[in-house]
Amino acid sequence: MSAPLYDVLVLLHVASALVGFGAIAVSGLEAFSGRRSDDPAADDSLVRFFRPGNSWPGRVVFLVPVLGLALLFGGDRPDVPHAWPWIGLGLWVAAAGLATGMCWPAERLAQEALGRPVPDVATFRQACGRLERGVVLIEVCAVAALAIMILQPG
């Protein structure tokens, strides 16, 4: 792989991680605000954030391993037998599992609860709490993966 192509892949890999995990972190911050709001249905920021629909920027995390594997097999072949790329991939799998199995369903539930004609505040707060907890775990995985990618142990 040519050096310029490799550099572009590194840039895209890092950018997709920043956008995807950043968007997930923002959803955690909004859930934090939503759980603590006296009247979430009257908070324009919460109503706007939790409007029905997918958080597409958060789905960008699915590009991270694709680009990482392209880097690994296209330019960093000597690192294939090392543990660090596979530890990073394992952390990503854990984060993606938490996002798809815990956070995004909780976010949908929060959207539905807040979007009802008479908002279900109790369900909204419960969904926000679940979303918060999932985001914390995802971000721990992301920080650990970042450390592994930088330190590249054995």
C-alpha atoms as a PDB file:
ATOM      1  CA  MET A   1       0.000   0.000   0.000  1.00  0.00           C
ATOM      2  CA  SER A   2       1.352   3.441  -0.874  1.00  0.00           C
ATOM      3  CA  ALA A   3       2.242   5.828   1.926  1.00  0.00           C
ATOM      4  CA  PRO A   4      -0.384   8.458   0.916  1.00  0.00           C
ATOM      5  CA  LEU A   5      -3.154   5.837   0.818  1.00  0.00           C
ATOM      6  CA  TYR A   6      -2.042   4.483   4.180  1.00  0.00           C
ATOM      7  CA  ASP A   7      -2.110   8.012   5.638  1.00  0.00           C
ATOM      8  CA  VAL A   8      -5.622   8.599   4.291  1.00  0.00           C
ATOM      9  CA  LEU A   9      -6.795   5.311   5.829  1.00  0.00           C
ATOM     10  CA  VAL A  10      -5.266   6.256   9.194  1.00  0.00           C
ATOM     11  CA  LEU A  11      -7.001   9.637   9.024  1.00  0.00           C
ATOM     12  CA  LEU A  12     -10.354   8.019   8.156  1.00  0.00           C
ATOM     13  CA  HIS A  13      -9.910   5.374  10.868  1.00  0.00           C
ATOM     14  CA  VAL A  14      -9.235   8.001  13.542  1.00  0.00           C
ATOM     15  CA  ALA A  15     -11.962  10.339  12.249  1.00  0.00           C
ATOM     16  CA  SER A  16     -14.574   7.570  12.242  1.00  0.00           C
ATOM     17  CA  ALA A  17     -13.661   6.678  15.829  1.00  0.00           C
ATOM     18  CA  LEU A  18     -13.890  10.323  16.915  1.00  0.00           C
ATOM     19  CA  VAL A  19     -17.220  10.922  15.154  1.00  0.00           C
ATOM     20  CA  GLY A  20     -18.815   7.622  16.175  1.00  0.00           C
ATOM     21  CA  PHE A  21     -17.691   7.468  19.788  1.00  0.00           C
ATOM     22  CA  GLY A  22     -18.141  11.241  20.111  1.00  0.00           C
ATOM     23  CA  ALA A  23     -21.769  10.982  18.992  1.00  0.00           C
ATOM     24  CA  ILE A  24     -22.329   8.156  21.454  1.00  0.00           C
ATOM     25  CA  ALA A  25     -20.811  10.290  24.235  1.00  0.00           C
ATOM     26  CA  VAL A  26     -23.157  13.152  23.351  1.00  0.00           C
ATOM     27  CA  SER A  27     -26.139  10.809  23.674  1.00  0.00           C
ATOM     28  CA  GLY A  28     -24.890   9.915  27.157  1.00  0.00           C
ATOM     29  CA  LEU A  29     -24.652  13.590  28.092  1.00  0.00           C
ATOM     30  CA  GLU A  30     -28.194  14.212  26.837  1.00  0.00           C
ATOM     31  CA  ALA A  31     -29.420  11.183  28.785  1.00  0.00           C
ATOM     32  CA  PHE A  32     -27.687  12.587  31.873  1.00  0.00           C
ATOM     33  CA  SER A  33     -29.543  15.886  31.369  1.00  0.00           C
ATOM     34  CA  GLY A  34     -32.806  14.106  30.619  1.00  0.00           C
ATOM     35  CA  ARG A  35     -32.708  12.009  33.746  1.00  0.00           C
ATOM     36  CA  ARG A  36     -32.155  15.087  35.898  1.00  0.00           C
ATOM     37  CA  SER A  37     -34.609  17.435  34.175  1.00  0.00           C
ATOM     38  CA  ASP A  38     -37.653  18.481  36.212  1.00  0.00           C
ATOM     39  CA  ASP A  39     -39.824  18.476  33.078  1.00  0.00           C
ATOM     40  CA  PRO A  40     -38.054  16.825  30.133  1.00  0.00           C
ATOM     41  CA  ALA A  41     -41.041  17.365  27.819  1.00  0.00           C
ATOM     42  CA  ALA A  42     -40.697  21.130  28.288  1.00  0.00           C
ATOM     43  CA  ASP A  43     -36.929  21.146  27.630  1.00  0.00           C
ATOM     44  CA  ASP A  44     -36.498  22.069  23.953  1.00  0.00           C
ATOM     45  CA  SER A  45     -32.960  20.657  23.840  1.00  0.00           C
ATOM     46  CA  LEU A  46     -34.112  17.257  25.108  1.00  0.00           C
ATOM     47  CA  VAL A  47     -37.188  17.171  22.864  1.00  0.00           C
ATOM     48  CA  ARG A  48     -35.009  18.043  19.866  1.00  0.00           C
ATOM     49  CA  PHE A  49     -32.327  15.476  20.739  1.00  0.00           C
ATOM     50  CA  PHE A  50     -34.773  12.667  21.531  1.00  0.00           C
ATOM     51  CA  ARG A  51     -36.964  13.169  18.474  1.00  0.00           C
ATOM     52  CA  PRO A  52     -37.718   9.868  16.720  1.00  0.00           C
ATOM     53  CA  GLY A  53     -35.031   8.526  14.403  1.00  0.00           C
ATOM     54  CA  ASN A  54     -31.608   6.957  14.398  1.00  0.00           C
ATOM     55  CA  SER A  55     -28.448   8.697  15.520  1.00  0.00           C
ATOM     56  CA  TRP A  56     -26.541   8.194  12.266  1.00  0.00           C
ATOM     57  CA  PRO A  57     -23.295   9.795  13.451  1.00  0.00           C
ATOM     58  CA  GLY A  58     -23.117   7.144  16.191  1.00  0.00           C
ATOM     59  CA  ARG A  59     -23.351   4.412  13.557  1.00  0.00           C
ATOM     60  CA  VAL A  60     -20.044   5.636  12.101  1.00  0.00           C
ATOM     61  CA  VAL A  61     -18.367   3.405  14.726  1.00  0.00           C
ATOM     62  CA  PHE A  62     -19.049   0.514  12.344  1.00  0.00           C
ATOM     63  CA  LEU A  63     -16.390   1.945  10.002  1.00  0.00           C
ATOM     64  CA  VAL A  64     -13.682   1.786  12.680  1.00  0.00           C
ATOM     65  CA  PRO A  65     -12.872  -1.945  12.425  1.00  0.00           C
ATOM     66  CA  VAL A  66     -13.288  -1.993   8.644  1.00  0.00           C
ATOM     67  CA  LEU A  67     -10.696   0.751   8.261  1.00  0.00           C
ATOM     68  CA  GLY A  68      -8.537  -0.739  11.014  1.00  0.00           C
ATOM     69  CA  LEU A  69      -8.455  -4.120   9.310  1.00  0.00           C
ATOM     70  CA  ALA A  70      -7.688  -2.440   5.973  1.00  0.00           C
ATOM     71  CA  LEU A  71      -4.731  -0.747   7.668  1.00  0.00           C
ATOM     72  CA  LEU A  72      -3.616  -3.946   9.330  1.00  0.00           C
ATOM     73  CA  PHE A  73      -3.747  -6.187   6.271  1.00  0.00           C
ATOM     74  CA  GLY A  74      -2.875  -3.488   3.738  1.00  0.00           C
ATOM     75  CA  GLY A  75       0.036  -1.761   5.386  1.00  0.00           C
ATOM     76  CA  ASP A  76       0.833  -3.092   8.847  1.00  0.00           C
ATOM     77  CA  ARG A  77       1.180  -6.781   7.954  1.00  0.00           C
ATOM     78  CA  PRO A  78       4.054  -7.308  10.435  1.00  0.00           C
ATOM     79  CA  ASP A  79       1.595  -6.415  13.246  1.00  0.00           C
ATOM     80  CA  VAL A  80      -0.944  -9.133  12.332  1.00  0.00           C
ATOM     81  CA  PRO A  81       0.512 -11.684  14.800  1.00  0.00           C
ATOM     82  CA  HIS A  82       0.755  -9.150  17.624  1.00  0.00           C
ATOM     83  CA  ALA A  83      -1.920  -9.029  20.290  1.00  0.00           C
ATOM     84  CA  TRP A  84      -2.671  -5.288  20.232  1.00  0.00           C
ATOM     85  CA  PRO A  85      -4.741  -5.110  17.022  1.00  0.00           C
ATOM     86  CA  TRP A  86      -6.891  -8.028  18.171  1.00  0.00           C
ATOM     87  CA  ILE A  87      -7.327  -6.591  21.668  1.00  0.00           C
ATOM     88  CA  GLY A  88      -8.455  -3.354  20.015  1.00  0.00           C
ATOM     89  CA  LEU A  89     -10.891  -5.280  17.829  1.00  0.00           C
ATOM     90  CA  GLY A  90     -12.223  -7.131  20.881  1.00  0.00           C
ATOM     91  CA  LEU A  91     -12.800  -3.837  22.679  1.00  0.00           C
ATOM     92  CA  TRP A  92     -14.597  -2.514  19.607  1.00  0.00           C
ATOM     93  CA  VAL A  93     -16.804  -5.654  19.497  1.00  0.00           C
ATOM     94  CA  ALA A  94     -17.707  -5.062  23.163  1.00  0.00           C
ATOM     95  CA  ALA A  95     -18.493  -1.387  22.470  1.00  0.00           C
ATOM     96  CA  ALA A  96     -20.566  -2.220  19.380  1.00  0.00           C
ATOM     97  CA  GLY A  97     -22.448  -4.883  21.326  1.00  0.00           C
ATOM     98  CA  LEU A  98     -23.251  -2.400  24.075  1.00  0.00           C
ATOM     99  CA  ALA A  99     -24.364   0.196  21.533  1.00  0.00           C
ATOM    100  CA  THR A 100     -26.622  -2.135  19.576  1.00  0.00           C
ATOM    101  CA  GLY A 101     -27.919  -4.156  22.521  1.00  0.00           C
ATOM    102  CA  MET A 102     -28.208  -1.550  25.253  1.00  0.00           C
ATOM    103  CA  CYS A 103     -27.795   2.072  24.207  1.00  0.00           C
ATOM    104  CA  TRP A 104     -29.686   2.355  20.952  1.00  0.00           C
ATOM    105  CA  PRO A 105     -32.718   0.414  22.241  1.00  0.00           C
ATOM    106  CA  ALA A 106     -32.731   2.650  25.341  1.00  0.00           C
ATOM    107  CA  GLU A 107     -32.477   5.716  23.134  1.00  0.00           C
ATOM    108  CA  ARG A 108     -35.460   4.515  21.064  1.00  0.00           C
ATOM    109  CA  LEU A 109     -37.446   3.905  24.252  1.00  0.00           C
ATOM    110  CA  ALA A 110     -36.595   7.418  25.471  1.00  0.00           C
ATOM    111  CA  GLN A 111     -37.699   8.835  22.112  1.00  0.00           C
ATOM    112  CA  GLU A 112     -40.997   6.964  22.275  1.00  0.00           C
ATOM    113  CA  ALA A 113     -41.651   7.928  25.899  1.00  0.00           C
ATOM    114  CA  LEU A 114     -40.920  11.619  25.321  1.00  0.00           C
ATOM    115  CA  GLY A 115     -42.732  11.721  21.983  1.00  0.00           C
ATOM    116  CA  ARG A 116     -46.093  10.457  23.278  1.00  0.00           C
ATOM    117  CA  PRO A 117     -49.004  12.924  23.379  1.00  0.00           C
ATOM    118  CA  VAL A 118     -48.716  12.695  27.160  1.00  0.00           C
ATOM    119  CA  PRO A 119     -45.007  12.043  27.764  1.00  0.00           C
ATOM    120  CA  ASP A 120     -44.180   9.084  29.990  1.00  0.00           C
ATOM    121  CA  VAL A 121     -41.550  10.790  32.135  1.00  0.00           C
ATOM    122  CA  ALA A 122     -40.864   7.760  34.340  1.00  0.00           C
ATOM    123  CA  THR A 123     -40.120   5.538  31.324  1.00  0.00           C
ATOM    124  CA  PHE A 124     -38.067   8.332  29.756  1.00  0.00           C
ATOM    125  CA  ARG A 125     -35.910   8.687  32.874  1.00  0.00           C
ATOM    126  CA  GLN A 126     -35.462   4.928  33.166  1.00  0.00           C
ATOM    127  CA  ALA A 127     -34.389   4.717  29.508  1.00  0.00           C
ATOM    128  CA  CYS A 128     -32.001   7.643  30.018  1.00  0.00           C
ATOM    129  CA  GLY A 129     -30.427   5.863  32.992  1.00  0.00           C
ATOM    130  CA  ARG A 130     -29.861   2.738  30.917  1.00  0.00           C
ATOM    131  CA  LEU A 131     -28.461   4.836  28.079  1.00  0.00           C
ATOM    132  CA  GLU A 132     -26.088   6.625  30.471  1.00  0.00           C
ATOM    133  CA  ARG A 133     -24.751   3.374  31.902  1.00  0.00           C
ATOM    134  CA  GLY A 134     -24.210   1.894  28.460  1.00  0.00           C
ATOM    135  CA  VAL A 135     -22.422   4.992  27.195  1.00  0.00           C
ATOM    136  CA  VAL A 136     -20.032   4.950  30.157  1.00  0.00           C
ATOM    137  CA  LEU A 137     -19.111   1.339  29.373  1.00  0.00           C
ATOM    138  CA  ILE A 138     -18.714   2.102  25.663  1.00  0.00           C
ATOM    139  CA  GLU A 139     -16.464   5.064  26.336  1.00  0.00           C
ATOM    140  CA  VAL A 140     -14.318   2.951  28.695  1.00  0.00           C
ATOM    141  CA  CYS A 141     -13.883   0.489  25.818  1.00  0.00           C
ATOM    142  CA  ALA A 142     -13.050   3.351  23.434  1.00  0.00           C
ATOM    143  CA  VAL A 143     -10.419   4.845  25.753  1.00  0.00           C
ATOM    144  CA  ALA A 144      -8.908   1.401  26.374  1.00  0.00           C
ATOM    145  CA  ALA A 145      -8.794   0.740  22.618  1.00  0.00           C
ATOM    146  CA  LEU A 146      -7.163   4.121  22.033  1.00  0.00           C
ATOM    147  CA  ALA A 147      -4.516   3.333  24.653  1.00  0.00           C
ATOM    148  CA  ILE A 148      -3.890  -0.072  23.050  1.00  0.00           C
ATOM    149  CA  MET A 149      -3.587   1.505  19.583  1.00  0.00           C
ATOM    150  CA  ILE A 150      -1.080   4.089  20.842  1.00  0.00           C
ATOM    151  CA  LEU A 151       0.999   1.828  23.106  1.00  0.00           C
ATOM    152  CA  GLN A 152       0.849  -1.246  20.837  1.00  0.00           C
ATOM    153  CA  PRO A 153       1.888  -3.773  23.481  1.00  0.00           C
ATOM    154  CA  GLY A 154       3.267  -7.190  22.451  1.00  0.00           C
END
